N, C-alpha and C. Protein backbone atom coordinates (compact mmCIF):
# COMPACT_ATOMS: atom_id res chain seq x y z
N MET A 1 41.96 119.35 206.98
CA MET A 1 41.68 119.13 205.59
C MET A 1 43.00 119.00 204.85
N SER A 2 43.12 117.97 204.00
CA SER A 2 44.35 117.77 203.25
C SER A 2 44.26 118.48 201.90
N THR A 3 45.41 118.84 201.41
CA THR A 3 45.46 119.46 200.09
C THR A 3 46.26 118.58 199.16
N GLU A 4 45.92 118.60 197.89
CA GLU A 4 46.63 117.82 196.88
C GLU A 4 47.24 118.76 195.87
N ASN A 5 48.45 118.45 195.43
CA ASN A 5 49.07 119.24 194.38
C ASN A 5 48.45 118.87 193.04
N ALA A 6 48.28 119.86 192.20
CA ALA A 6 47.73 119.61 190.87
C ALA A 6 48.73 118.83 190.03
N ALA A 7 48.24 118.06 189.09
CA ALA A 7 49.12 117.33 188.18
C ALA A 7 49.90 118.32 187.33
N THR A 8 51.14 117.97 187.04
CA THR A 8 51.97 118.87 186.23
C THR A 8 52.48 118.17 184.99
N PHE A 9 52.80 118.96 183.99
CA PHE A 9 53.42 118.49 182.76
C PHE A 9 54.89 118.87 182.83
N ASP A 10 55.77 117.89 182.64
CA ASP A 10 57.21 118.12 182.63
C ASP A 10 57.72 117.82 181.23
N CYS A 11 58.16 118.84 180.51
CA CYS A 11 58.62 118.67 179.14
C CYS A 11 60.01 118.03 179.13
N PRO A 12 60.18 116.93 178.40
CA PRO A 12 61.49 116.29 178.33
C PRO A 12 62.49 117.04 177.45
N ASP A 13 62.02 117.96 176.61
CA ASP A 13 62.92 118.70 175.72
C ASP A 13 63.46 119.98 176.35
N CYS A 14 62.59 120.78 176.94
CA CYS A 14 63.04 122.08 177.46
C CYS A 14 62.95 122.20 178.97
N ASP A 15 62.56 121.13 179.64
CA ASP A 15 62.48 121.07 181.11
C ASP A 15 61.52 122.07 181.74
N VAL A 16 60.54 122.56 180.98
CA VAL A 16 59.53 123.44 181.57
C VAL A 16 58.57 122.58 182.40
N ARG A 17 58.07 123.15 183.45
CA ARG A 17 57.09 122.47 184.30
C ARG A 17 55.87 123.36 184.38
N ALA A 18 54.71 122.82 184.02
CA ALA A 18 53.48 123.62 184.00
C ALA A 18 52.32 122.78 184.52
N PRO A 19 51.33 123.43 185.11
CA PRO A 19 50.13 122.68 185.52
C PRO A 19 49.47 122.04 184.31
N SER A 20 49.06 120.81 184.44
CA SER A 20 48.50 120.09 183.30
C SER A 20 47.24 120.75 182.75
N THR A 21 46.55 121.53 183.57
CA THR A 21 45.34 122.21 183.11
C THR A 21 45.65 123.39 182.19
N SER A 22 46.91 123.85 182.17
CA SER A 22 47.27 124.99 181.32
C SER A 22 48.03 124.58 180.07
N VAL A 23 48.17 123.28 179.84
CA VAL A 23 48.93 122.78 178.69
C VAL A 23 47.97 122.42 177.57
N PRO A 24 48.25 122.88 176.34
CA PRO A 24 47.35 122.56 175.21
C PRO A 24 47.54 121.12 174.73
N TYR A 25 46.55 120.63 174.02
CA TYR A 25 46.58 119.29 173.44
C TYR A 25 46.32 119.39 171.95
N ASP A 26 46.91 118.45 171.17
CA ASP A 26 46.70 118.47 169.72
C ASP A 26 45.35 117.83 169.40
N SER A 27 45.05 117.72 168.11
CA SER A 27 43.74 117.21 167.69
C SER A 27 43.52 115.74 168.04
N LEU A 28 44.60 115.00 168.30
CA LEU A 28 44.46 113.61 168.70
C LEU A 28 44.47 113.43 170.22
N GLY A 29 44.64 114.52 170.95
CA GLY A 29 44.60 114.47 172.40
C GLY A 29 45.94 114.32 173.08
N TYR A 30 47.03 114.50 172.33
CA TYR A 30 48.36 114.41 172.92
C TYR A 30 48.82 115.78 173.38
N VAL A 31 49.53 115.81 174.50
CA VAL A 31 49.97 117.07 175.09
C VAL A 31 51.03 117.73 174.21
N VAL A 32 50.98 119.08 174.19
CA VAL A 32 51.94 119.89 173.43
C VAL A 32 52.55 120.89 174.40
N CYS A 33 53.88 120.95 174.45
CA CYS A 33 54.56 121.87 175.36
C CYS A 33 54.24 123.31 174.95
N PRO A 34 53.82 124.15 175.90
CA PRO A 34 53.49 125.53 175.59
C PRO A 34 54.71 126.40 175.30
N VAL A 35 55.91 125.93 175.61
CA VAL A 35 57.13 126.72 175.41
C VAL A 35 57.85 126.33 174.11
N CYS A 36 58.15 125.03 173.95
CA CYS A 36 58.96 124.61 172.79
C CYS A 36 58.17 123.88 171.71
N GLY A 37 56.93 123.50 171.99
CA GLY A 37 56.11 122.83 170.99
C GLY A 37 56.29 121.32 170.95
N TYR A 38 57.05 120.74 171.88
CA TYR A 38 57.23 119.29 171.94
C TYR A 38 55.87 118.62 172.00
N ALA A 39 55.66 117.60 171.19
CA ALA A 39 54.40 116.86 171.19
C ALA A 39 54.64 115.47 171.75
N ALA A 40 53.96 115.12 172.80
CA ALA A 40 54.12 113.83 173.45
C ALA A 40 53.26 112.79 172.75
N THR A 41 53.75 112.28 171.64
CA THR A 41 53.04 111.23 170.90
C THR A 41 53.64 109.88 171.28
N PRO A 42 52.89 108.81 171.11
CA PRO A 42 53.43 107.50 171.47
C PRO A 42 54.60 107.12 170.56
N ALA A 43 55.58 106.45 171.12
CA ALA A 43 56.74 106.00 170.35
C ALA A 43 56.33 104.82 169.49
N LEU A 44 56.91 104.75 168.30
CA LEU A 44 56.63 103.61 167.44
C LEU A 44 57.35 102.40 167.98
N GLU A 45 56.64 101.30 168.09
CA GLU A 45 57.25 100.07 168.58
C GLU A 45 57.86 99.32 167.42
N ARG A 46 59.06 98.82 167.63
CA ARG A 46 59.71 98.02 166.60
C ARG A 46 59.14 96.61 166.63
N SER A 47 59.01 96.05 165.46
CA SER A 47 58.54 94.68 165.37
C SER A 47 59.66 93.74 165.77
N SER A 48 59.37 92.81 166.63
CA SER A 48 60.39 91.86 167.06
C SER A 48 60.37 90.61 166.20
N SER A 49 59.66 90.63 165.08
CA SER A 49 59.57 89.46 164.21
C SER A 49 60.92 89.08 163.63
N ALA A 50 61.83 90.03 163.45
CA ALA A 50 63.15 89.74 162.92
C ALA A 50 63.96 88.94 163.93
N GLU A 51 63.65 89.08 165.20
CA GLU A 51 64.38 88.35 166.23
C GLU A 51 63.83 86.95 166.45
N ARG A 52 62.64 86.70 165.97
CA ARG A 52 62.03 85.40 166.15
C ARG A 52 62.56 84.42 165.13
N SER A 53 62.63 83.18 165.52
CA SER A 53 63.08 82.16 164.56
C SER A 53 61.92 81.79 163.65
N PRO A 54 62.22 81.33 162.44
CA PRO A 54 61.16 80.95 161.51
C PRO A 54 60.31 79.83 162.08
N ALA A 55 59.06 79.76 161.67
CA ALA A 55 58.15 78.73 162.15
C ALA A 55 58.67 77.35 161.72
N GLY A 56 58.50 76.39 162.60
CA GLY A 56 58.92 75.03 162.28
C GLY A 56 60.27 74.67 162.84
N ASP A 57 60.92 75.58 163.56
CA ASP A 57 62.22 75.26 164.16
C ASP A 57 62.04 74.37 165.35
C-alpha cells in the first residue's frame, strides 16, 4: 500500500510550513498564515495597454 504526503502550506513571509488542513482561510477563501497572518491574495495585474501602440498604426 502506498502512502501520500498531505498537502502543505509554505508561507513566503515567515517560512512556516503547515499541513493545509490546519491553515485558516479568510472570508473570500484565501489562505492565511497561522503564524504571521500573511494572506495569499491574488496579485493585481498591471494593464499592458500603456505598452500597446494606439489603434490605427
